PDB file of N, CA and C in Angstrom:
ATOM      1  N   UNK A   1       0.842  -1.175   0.000  1.00  0.00           N
ATOM      2  CA  UNK A   1       0.000   0.000   0.000  1.00  0.00           C
ATOM      3  C   UNK A   1       0.887   1.238   0.000  1.00  0.00           C
ATOM      4  N   UNK A   2       0.620   2.119  -0.887  1.00  0.00           N
ATOM      5  CA  UNK A   2       1.440   3.301  -1.048  1.00  0.00           C
ATOM      6  C   UNK A   2       0.722   4.512  -0.456  1.00  0.00           C
ATOM      7  N   UNK A   3       1.478   5.343   0.320  1.00  0.00           N
ATOM      8  CA  UNK A   3       0.928   6.538   0.964  1.00  0.00           C
ATOM      9  C   UNK A   3       1.193   7.732   0.047  1.00  0.00           C
ATOM     10  N   UNK A   4       0.193   8.589  -0.188  1.00  0.00           N
ATOM     11  CA  UNK A   4       0.426   9.770  -1.015  1.00  0.00           C
ATOM     12  C   UNK A   4       1.494  10.677  -0.372  1.00  0.00           C
ATOM     13  N   UNK A   5       2.337  11.341  -1.148  1.00  0.00           N
ATOM     14  CA  UNK A   5       3.432  12.137  -0.589  1.00  0.00           C
ATOM     15  C   UNK A   5       2.966  13.280   0.311  1.00  0.00           C
ATOM     16  N   UNK A   6       1.803  13.865   0.067  1.00  0.00           N
ATOM     17  CA  UNK A   6       1.373  14.988   0.898  1.00  0.00           C
ATOM     18  C   UNK A   6       0.894  14.561   2.280  1.00  0.00           C
ATOM     19  N   UNK A   7       0.605  13.293   2.504  1.00  0.00           N
ATOM     20  CA  UNK A   7       0.177  12.826   3.820  1.00  0.00           C
ATOM     21  C   UNK A   7       1.222  11.943   4.485  1.00  0.00           C
ATOM     22  N   UNK A   8       2.348  11.725   3.861  1.00  0.00           N
ATOM     23  CA  UNK A   8       3.398  10.871   4.425  1.00  0.00           C
ATOM     24  C   UNK A   8       4.055  11.592   5.609  1.00  0.00           C
ATOM     25  N   UNK A   9       4.060  10.995   6.814  1.00  0.00           N
ATOM     26  CA  UNK A   9       4.658  11.654   7.980  1.00  0.00           C
ATOM     27  C   UNK A   9       6.153  11.875   7.814  1.00  0.00           C
ATOM     28  N   UNK A  10       6.828  11.034   7.089  1.00  0.00           N
ATOM     29  CA  UNK A  10       8.261  11.212   6.898  1.00  0.00           C
ATOM     30  C   UNK A  10       8.549  12.452   6.044  1.00  0.00           C
ATOM     31  N   UNK A  11       7.662  12.764   5.122  1.00  0.00           N
ATOM     32  CA  UNK A  11       7.855  13.941   4.273  1.00  0.00           C
ATOM     33  C   UNK A  11       7.695  15.242   5.081  1.00  0.00           C
ATOM     34  N   UNK A  12       6.889  15.187   6.142  1.00  0.00           N
ATOM     35  CA  UNK A  12       6.701  16.371   6.984  1.00  0.00           C
ATOM     36  C   UNK A  12       7.926  16.642   7.851  1.00  0.00           C
ATOM     37  N   UNK A  13       8.762  15.641   8.089  1.00  0.00           N
ATOM     38  CA  UNK A  13       9.945  15.809   8.924  1.00  0.00           C
ATOM     39  C   UNK A  13      11.131  16.376   8.153  1.00  0.00           C
ATOM     40  N   UNK A  14      11.123  16.320   6.834  1.00  0.00           N
ATOM     41  CA  UNK A  14      12.264  16.748   6.032  1.00  0.00           C
ATOM     42  C   UNK A  14      12.629  18.219   6.284  1.00  0.00           C
ATOM     43  N   UNK A  15      11.690  19.172   6.365  1.00  0.00           N
ATOM     44  CA  UNK A  15      12.101  20.559   6.656  1.00  0.00           C
ATOM     45  C   UNK A  15      12.777  20.704   8.018  1.00  0.00           C
ATOM     46  N   UNK A  16      12.312  19.966   9.018  1.00  0.00           N
ATOM     47  CA  UNK A  16      12.921  20.054  10.345  1.00  0.00           C
ATOM     48  C   UNK A  16      14.320  19.454  10.358  1.00  0.00           C
ATOM     49  N   UNK A  17      14.516  18.375   9.650  1.00  0.00           N
ATOM     50  CA  UNK A  17      15.836  17.766   9.559  1.00  0.00           C
ATOM     51  C   UNK A  17      16.789  18.704   8.831  1.00  0.00           C
ATOM     52  N   UNK A  18      16.342  19.321   7.759  1.00  0.00           N
ATOM     53  CA  UNK A  18      17.182  20.257   7.013  1.00  0.00           C
ATOM     54  C   UNK A  18      17.541  21.468   7.875  1.00  0.00           C
ATOM     55  N   UNK A  19      16.590  21.961   8.645  1.00  0.00           N
ATOM     56  CA  UNK A  19      16.860  23.088   9.543  1.00  0.00           C
ATOM     57  C   UNK A  19      17.876  22.693  10.602  1.00  0.00           C
ATOM     58  N   UNK A  20      17.725  21.514  11.171  1.00  0.00           N
ATOM     59  CA  UNK A  20      18.665  21.044  12.187  1.00  0.00           C
ATOM     60  C   UNK A  20      20.069  20.879  11.641  1.00  0.00           C
ATOM     61  N   UNK A  21      20.197  20.335  10.465  1.00  0.00           N
ATOM     62  CA  UNK A  21      21.519  20.177   9.862  1.00  0.00           C
ATOM     63  C   UNK A  21      22.124  21.532   9.511  1.00  0.00           C
ATOM     64  N   UNK A  22      21.305  22.451   9.058  1.00  0.00           N
ATOM     65  CA  UNK A  22      21.807  23.788   8.728  1.00  0.00           C
ATOM     66  C   UNK A  22      22.299  24.530   9.957  1.00  0.00           C
ATOM     67  N   UNK A  23      21.558  24.440  11.055  1.00  0.00           N
ATOM     68  CA  UNK A  23      21.993  25.097  12.291  1.00  0.00           C
ATOM     69  C   UNK A  23      23.188  24.381  12.901  1.00  0.00           C
ATOM     70  N   UNK A  24      23.242  23.085  12.764  1.00  0.00           N
ATOM     71  CA  UNK A  24      24.372  22.328  13.296  1.00  0.00           C
ATOM     72  C   UNK A  24      25.671  22.666  12.592  1.00  0.00           C
ATOM     73  N   UNK A  25      25.600  23.068  11.331  1.00  0.00           N
ATOM     74  CA  UNK A  25      26.801  23.434  10.598  1.00  0.00           C
ATOM     75  C   UNK A  25      27.370  24.762  11.080  1.00  0.00           C
ATOM     76  N   UNK A  26      26.564  25.571  11.767  1.00  0.00           N
ATOM     77  CA  UNK A  26      27.021  26.880  12.244  1.00  0.00           C
ATOM     78  C   UNK A  26      27.704  26.801  13.611  1.00  0.00           C
ATOM     79  N   UNK A  27      27.634  25.680  14.275  1.00  0.00           N
ATOM     80  CA  UNK A  27      28.205  25.538  15.610  1.00  0.00           C
ATOM     81  C   UNK A  27      29.708  25.353  15.486  1.00  0.00           C
ATOM     82  N   UNK A  28      30.506  26.112  16.271  1.00  0.00           N
ATOM     83  CA  UNK A  28      31.958  25.930  16.195  1.00  0.00           C
ATOM     84  C   UNK A  28      32.358  24.549  16.714  1.00  0.00           C
ATOM     85  N   UNK A  29      33.442  24.037  16.175  1.00  0.00           N
ATOM     86  CA  UNK A  29      33.870  22.682  16.554  1.00  0.00           C
ATOM     87  C   UNK A  29      34.752  22.687  17.791  1.00  0.00           C
ATOM     88  N   UNK A  30      35.398  23.810  18.117  1.00  0.00           N
ATOM     89  CA  UNK A  30      36.242  23.876  19.308  1.00  0.00           C
ATOM     90  C   UNK A  30      35.617  24.839  20.308  1.00  0.00           C
ATOM     91  N   UNK A  31      35.917  24.631  21.564  1.00  0.00           N
ATOM     92  CA  UNK A  31      35.410  25.515  22.610  1.00  0.00           C
ATOM     93  C   UNK A  31      36.124  26.851  22.556  1.00  0.00           C
ATOM     94  N   UNK A  32      35.441  27.943  22.908  1.00  0.00           N
ATOM     95  CA  UNK A  32      36.129  29.232  23.024  1.00  0.00           C
ATOM     96  C   UNK A  32      37.197  29.158  24.121  1.00  0.00           C
ATOM     97  N   UNK A  33      38.236  29.956  23.987  1.00  0.00           N
ATOM     98  CA  UNK A  33      39.347  29.881  24.938  1.00  0.00           C
ATOM     99  C   UNK A  33      38.926  30.299  26.346  1.00  0.00           C
ATOM    100  N   UNK A  34      37.961  31.198  26.466  1.00  0.00           N
ATOM    101  CA  UNK A  34      37.562  31.608  27.809  1.00  0.00           C
ATOM    102  C   UNK A  34      36.793  30.510  28.535  1.00  0.00           C
ATOM    103  N   UNK A  35      36.256  29.536  27.817  1.00  0.00           N
ATOM    104  CA  UNK A  35      35.593  28.413  28.465  1.00  0.00           C
ATOM    105  C   UNK A  35      36.544  27.254  28.737  1.00  0.00           C
ATOM    106  N   UNK A  36      37.553  27.095  27.876  1.00  0.00           N
ATOM    107  CA  UNK A  36      38.447  25.955  28.006  1.00  0.00           C
ATOM    108  C   UNK A  36      39.723  26.287  28.764  1.00  0.00           C
ATOM    109  N   UNK A  37      39.968  27.560  29.092  1.00  0.00           N
ATOM    110  CA  UNK A  37      41.200  27.946  29.758  1.00  0.00           C
ATOM    111  C   UNK A  37      41.180  27.487  31.212  1.00  0.00           C
ATOM    112  N   UNK A  38      42.307  26.981  31.706  1.00  0.00           N
ATOM    113  CA  UNK A  38      42.363  26.584  33.119  1.00  0.00           C
ATOM    114  C   UNK A  38      42.407  27.825  34.011  1.00  0.00           C
ATOM    115  N   UNK A  39      42.227  27.620  35.284  1.00  0.00           N
ATOM    116  CA  UNK A  39      42.260  28.721  36.239  1.00  0.00           C
ATOM    117  C   UNK A  39      43.657  29.317  36.292  1.00  0.00           C
ATOM    118  N   UNK A  40      43.711  30.628  36.418  1.00  0.00           N
ATOM    119  CA  UNK A  40      44.994  31.324  36.472  1.00  0.00           C
ATOM    120  C   UNK A  40      45.424  31.430  37.930  1.00  0.00           C
ATOM    121  N   UNK A  41      46.509  30.748  38.326  1.00  0.00           N
ATOM    122  CA  UNK A  41      46.921  30.789  39.741  1.00  0.00           C
ATOM    123  C   UNK A  41      47.523  32.130  40.151  1.00  0.00           C
ATOM    124  N   UNK A  42      47.858  32.996  39.210  1.00  0.00           N
ATOM    125  CA  UNK A  42      48.462  34.269  39.573  1.00  0.00           C
ATOM    126  C   UNK A  42      47.420  35.313  39.980  1.00  0.00           C
ATOM    127  N   UNK A  43      46.156  35.032  39.754  1.00  0.00           N
ATOM    128  CA  UNK A  43      45.099  35.971  40.124  1.00  0.00           C
ATOM    129  C   UNK A  43      44.889  35.881  41.631  1.00  0.00           C
ATOM    130  N   UNK A  44      44.946  37.019  42.296  1.00  0.00           N
ATOM    131  CA  UNK A  44      44.782  37.046  43.750  1.00  0.00           C
ATOM    132  C   UNK A  44      43.321  36.949  44.157  1.00  0.00           C
ATOM    133  N   UNK A  45      43.084  36.246  45.222  1.00  0.00           N
ATOM    134  CA  UNK A  45      41.732  36.128  45.759  1.00  0.00           C
ATOM    135  C   UNK A  45      41.772  36.353  47.256  1.00  0.00           C
ATOM    136  N   UNK A  46      40.645  36.736  47.801  1.00  0.00           N
ATOM    137  CA  UNK A  46      40.552  36.883  49.251  1.00  0.00           C
ATOM    138  C   UNK A  46      40.240  35.536  49.869  1.00  0.00           C
ATOM    139  N   UNK A  47      40.801  35.302  51.023  1.00  0.00           N
ATOM    140  CA  UNK A  47      40.433  34.079  51.725  1.00  0.00           C
ATOM    141  C   UNK A  47      39.074  34.292  52.368  1.00  0.00           C
ATOM    142  N   UNK A  48      38.258  33.267  52.414  1.00  0.00           N
ATOM    143  CA  UNK A  48      36.924  33.445  52.996  1.00  0.00           C
ATOM    144  C   UNK A  48      37.028  33.728  54.488  1.00  0.00           C
ATOM    145  N   UNK A  49      36.315  34.729  54.925  1.00  0.00           N
ATOM    146  CA  UNK A  49      36.315  35.093  56.335  1.00  0.00           C
ATOM    147  C   UNK A  49      35.107  34.513  57.040  1.00  0.00           C
ATOM    148  N   UNK A  50      35.218  34.402  58.347  1.00  0.00           N
ATOM    149  CA  UNK A  50      34.121  33.855  59.133  1.00  0.00           C
ATOM    150  C   UNK A  50      33.074  34.931  59.350  1.00  0.00           C
ATOM    151  N   UNK A  51      31.831  34.597  59.126  1.00  0.00           N
ATOM    152  CA  UNK A  51      30.716  35.486  59.413  1.00  0.00           C
ATOM    153  C   UNK A  51      29.691  34.692  60.218  1.00  0.00           C
ATOM    154  N   UNK A  52      29.383  35.183  61.390  1.00  0.00           N
ATOM    155  CA  UNK A  52      28.427  34.506  62.248  1.00  0.00           C
ATOM    156  C   UNK A  52      27.032  34.556  61.640  1.00  0.00           C
ATOM    157  N   UNK A  53      26.297  33.493  61.818  1.00  0.00           N
ATOM    158  CA  UNK A  53      24.938  33.441  61.289  1.00  0.00           C
ATOM    159  C   UNK A  53      24.038  34.427  62.021  1.00  0.00           C
ATOM    160  N   UNK A  54      24.309  34.664  63.266  1.00  0.00           N
ATOM    161  CA  UNK A  54      23.457  35.534  64.072  1.00  0.00           C
ATOM    162  C   UNK A  54      24.018  36.950  64.171  1.00  0.00           C
ATOM    163  N   UNK A  55      24.927  37.339  63.289  1.00  0.00           N
ATOM    164  CA  UNK A  55      25.481  38.691  63.332  1.00  0.00           C
ATOM    165  C   UNK A  55      24.383  39.705  63.022  1.00  0.00           C
ATOM    166  N   UNK A  56      24.283  40.738  63.841  1.00  0.00           N
ATOM    167  CA  UNK A  56      23.310  41.788  63.612  1.00  0.00           C
ATOM    168  C   UNK A  56      21.933  41.502  64.181  1.00  0.00           C
ATOM    169  N   UNK A  57      21.749  40.392  64.864  1.00  0.00           N
ATOM    170  CA  UNK A  57      20.446  40.061  65.434  1.00  0.00           C
ATOM    171  C   UNK A  57      20.292  40.814  66.756  1.00  0.00           C
ATOM    172  N   UNK A  58      19.151  41.464  66.916  1.00  0.00           N
ATOM    173  CA  UNK A  58      18.884  42.189  68.154  1.00  0.00           C
ATOM    174  C   UNK A  58      17.906  41.398  69.008  1.00  0.00           C
ATOM    175  N   UNK A  59      18.061  41.502  70.293  1.00  0.00           N
ATOM    176  CA  UNK A  59      17.166  40.829  71.225  1.00  0.00           C
ATOM    177  C   UNK A  59      16.077  41.816  71.654  1.00  0.00           C
ATOM    178  N   UNK A  60      14.843  41.394  71.572  1.00  0.00           N
ATOM    179  CA  UNK A  60      13.717  42.222  71.997  1.00  0.00           C
ATOM    180  C   UNK A  60      13.074  41.572  73.213  1.00  0.00           C
ATOM    181  N   UNK A  61      13.144  42.266  74.339  1.00  0.00           N
ATOM    182  CA  UNK A  61      12.566  41.749  75.569  1.00  0.00           C
ATOM    183  C   UNK A  61      11.077  42.088  75.623  1.00  0.00           C
ATOM    184  N   UNK A  62      10.356  41.314  76.384  1.00  0.00           N
ATOM    185  CA  UNK A  62       8.932  41.535  76.567  1.00  0.00           C
ATOM    186  C   UNK A  62       8.745  42.726  77.494  1.00  0.00           C
ATOM    187  N   UNK A  63       7.892  43.663  77.095  1.00  0.00           N
ATOM    188  CA  UNK A  63       7.615  44.843  77.914  1.00  0.00           C
ATOM    189  C   UNK A  63       6.112  44.980  78.073  1.00  0.00           C
ATOM    190  N   UNK A  64       5.731  45.754  79.042  1.00  0.00           N
ATOM    191  CA  UNK A  64       4.322  46.038  79.263  1.00  0.00           C
ATOM    192  C   UNK A  64       3.833  47.019  78.208  1.00  0.00           C
ATOM    193  N   UNK A  65       2.564  46.972  77.847  1.00  0.00           N
ATOM    194  CA  UNK A  65       2.054  47.938  76.871  1.00  0.00           C
ATOM    195  C   UNK A  65       2.134  49.349  77.428  1.00  0.00           C
ATOM    196  N   UNK A  66       2.500  50.283  76.580  1.00  0.00           N
ATOM    197  CA  UNK A  66       2.628  51.676  76.992  1.00  0.00           C
ATOM    198  C   UNK A  66       1.376  52.457  76.640  1.00  0.00           C
ATOM    199  N   UNK A  67       1.392  53.728  77.010  1.00  0.00           N
ATOM    200  CA  UNK A  67       0.281  54.625  76.713  1.00  0.00           C
ATOM    201  C   UNK A  67       0.347  54.989  75.234  1.00  0.00           C
ATOM    202  N   UNK A  68      -0.671  54.641  74.472  1.00  0.00           N
ATOM    203  CA  UNK A  68      -0.639  54.855  73.028  1.00  0.00           C
ATOM    204  C   UNK A  68      -0.706  56.336  72.677  1.00  0.00           C
ATOM    205  N   UNK A  69      -1.325  57.141  73.547  1.00  0.00           N
ATOM    206  CA  UNK A  69      -1.381  58.576  73.277  1.00  0.00           C
ATOM    207  C   UNK A  69       0.012  59.206  73.359  1.00  0.00           C
ATOM    208  N   UNK A  70       0.770  58.793  74.368  1.00  0.00           N
ATOM    209  CA  UNK A  70       2.123  59.323  74.517  1.00  0.00           C
ATOM    210  C   UNK A  70       3.010  58.844  73.365  1.00  0.00           C
ATOM    211  N   UNK A  71       2.848  57.627  72.936  1.00  0.00           N
ATOM    212  CA  UNK A  71       3.607  57.121  71.800  1.00  0.00           C
ATOM    213  C   UNK A  71       3.274  57.922  70.538  1.00  0.00           C
ATOM    214  N   UNK A  72       2.008  58.221  70.328  1.00  0.00           N
ATOM    215  CA  UNK A  72       1.618  59.024  69.169  1.00  0.00           C
ATOM    216  C   UNK A  72       2.228  60.414  69.227  1.00  0.00           C
ATOM    217  N   UNK A  73       2.305  61.001  70.409  1.00  0.00           N
ATOM    218  CA  UNK A  73       2.901  62.332  70.544  1.00  0.00           C
ATOM    219  C   UNK A  73       4.388  62.296  70.226  1.00  0.00           C
ATOM    220  N   UNK A  74       5.077  61.209  70.600  1.00  0.00           N
ATOM    221  CA  UNK A  74       6.513  61.117  70.341  1.00  0.00           C
ATOM    222  C   UNK A  74       6.824  60.956  68.860  1.00  0.00           C
ATOM    223  N   UNK A  75       5.980  60.262  68.115  1.00  0.00           N
ATOM    224  CA  UNK A  75       6.281  60.000  66.707  1.00  0.00           C
ATOM    225  C   UNK A  75       5.613  60.999  65.769  1.00  0.00           C
ATOM    226  N   UNK A  76       4.728  61.841  66.267  1.00  0.00           N
ATOM    227  CA  UNK A  76       4.036  62.802  65.410  1.00  0.00           C
ATOM    228  C   UNK A  76       4.982  63.938  65.037  1.00  0.00           C
ATOM    229  N   UNK A  77       4.790  64.542  63.859  1.00  0.00           N
ATOM    230  CA  UNK A  77       5.615  65.701  63.496  1.00  0.00           C
ATOM    231  C   UNK A  77       5.292  66.875  64.412  1.00  0.00           C
ATOM    232  N   UNK A  78       6.270  67.746  64.553  1.00  0.00           N
ATOM    233  CA  UNK A  78       6.096  68.909  65.417  1.00  0.00           C
ATOM    234  C   UNK A  78       5.060  69.854  64.809  1.00  0.00           C
ATOM    235  N   UNK A  79       4.207  70.415  65.651  1.00  0.00           N
ATOM    236  CA  UNK A  79       3.194  71.358  65.193  1.00  0.00           C
ATOM    237  C   UNK A  79       3.761  72.762  65.098  1.00  0.00           C
ATOM    238  N   UNK A  80       3.096  73.600  64.331  1.00  0.00           N
ATOM    239  CA  UNK A  80       3.501  74.993  64.178  1.00  0.00           C
ATOM    240  C   UNK A  80       2.747  75.810  65.228  1.00  0.00           C
ATOM    241  N   UNK A  81       3.465  76.371  66.218  1.00  0.00           N
ATOM    242  CA  UNK A  81       2.758  77.104  67.282  1.00  0.00           C
ATOM    243  C   UNK A  81       2.052  78.358  66.772  1.00  0.00           C
ATOM    244  N   UNK A  82       2.496  78.942  65.664  1.00  0.00           N
ATOM    245  CA  UNK A  82       1.835  80.134  65.140  1.00  0.00           C
ATOM    246  C   UNK A  82       0.468  79.806  64.558  1.00  0.00           C
ATOM    247  N   UNK A  83       0.282  78.592  64.073  1.00  0.00           N
ATOM    248  CA  UNK A  83      -1.004  78.215  63.496  1.00  0.00           C
ATOM    249  C   UNK A  83      -1.947  77.658  64.561  1.00  0.00           C
ATOM    250  N   UNK A  84      -1.447  77.368  65.726  1.00  0.00           N
ATOM    251  CA  UNK A  84      -2.296  76.877  66.798  1.00  0.00           C
ATOM    252  C   UNK A  84      -2.539  75.381  66.740  1.00  0.00           C
ATOM    253  N   UNK A  85      -1.716  74.635  66.009  1.00  0.00           N
ATOM    254  CA  UNK A  85      -1.917  73.184  65.956  1.00  0.00           C
ATOM    255  C   UNK A  85      -0.892  72.478  66.841  1.00  0.00           C
ATOM    256  N   UNK A  86      -0.903  72.846  68.097  1.00  0.00           N
ATOM    257  CA  UNK A  86      -0.002  72.203  69.046  1.00  0.00           C
ATOM    258  C   UNK A  86      -0.707  71.014  69.673  1.00  0.00           C
ATOM    259  N   UNK A  87       0.007  70.326  70.529  1.00  0.00           N
ATOM    260  CA  UNK A  87      -0.569  69.162  71.211  1.00  0.00           C
ATOM    261  C   UNK A  87      -1.536  69.574  72.316  1.00  0.00           C
ATOM    262  N   UNK A  88      -1.519  70.850  72.690  1.00  0.00           N
ATOM    263  CA  UNK A  88      -2.395  71.282  73.785  1.00  0.00           C
ATOM    264  C   UNK A  88      -3.868  71.091  73.460  1.00  0.00           C
ATOM    265  N   UNK A  89      -4.250  71.381  72.229  1.00  0.00           N
ATOM    266  CA  UNK A  89      -5.654  71.228  71.847  1.00  0.00           C
ATOM    267  C   UNK A  89      -6.048  69.754  71.868  1.00  0.00           C
ATOM    268  N   UNK A  90      -5.159  68.880  71.488  1.00  0.00           N
ATOM    269  CA  UNK A  90      -5.462  67.453  71.504  1.00  0.00           C
ATOM    270  C   UNK A  90      -5.559  66.947  72.938  1.00  0.00           C
ATOM    271  N   UNK A  91      -4.727  67.480  73.809  1.00  0.00           N
ATOM    272  CA  UNK A  91      -4.771  67.044  75.204  1.00  0.00           C
ATOM    273  C   UNK A  91      -6.066  67.502  75.887  1.00  0.00           C
ATOM    274  N   UNK A  92      -6.559  68.684  75.486  1.00  0.00           N
ATOM    275  CA  UNK A  92      -7.772  69.200  76.105  1.00  0.00           C
ATOM    276  C   UNK A  92      -9.018  68.550  75.497  1.00  0.00           C
ATOM    277  N   UNK A  93      -8.878  67.790  74.426  1.00  0.00           N
ATOM    278  CA  UNK A  93     -10.013  67.115  73.841  1.00  0.00           C
ATOM    279  C   UNK A  93     -10.706  67.915  72.774  1.00  0.00           C
ATOM    280  N   UNK A  94     -10.059  68.895  72.166  1.00  0.00           N
ATOM    281  CA  UNK A  94     -10.699  69.698  71.124  1.00  0.00           C
ATOM    282  C   UNK A  94     -10.415  69.152  69.772  1.00  0.00           C
TER     283      UNK A  94
END
């Protein structure tokens, strides 16, 4: 039984095989020198230093909750006394 050429699966592979062979011909046969060169012993390197895993870790102790109003006053930007937006009005409840 003969298969028509337009439906033959082998005929559909011919362009891919030709493309593969064409691209394969462009690949250099030797490695570039920067990939195949051995390590240069004359290049200076730093010796690895010890670094603690816990370097820079701070300890936070448990404290009682503070007054949130006082904390807000400490972190709030300073008010302009000429405009009257000081903390006094907030303390008096206005």
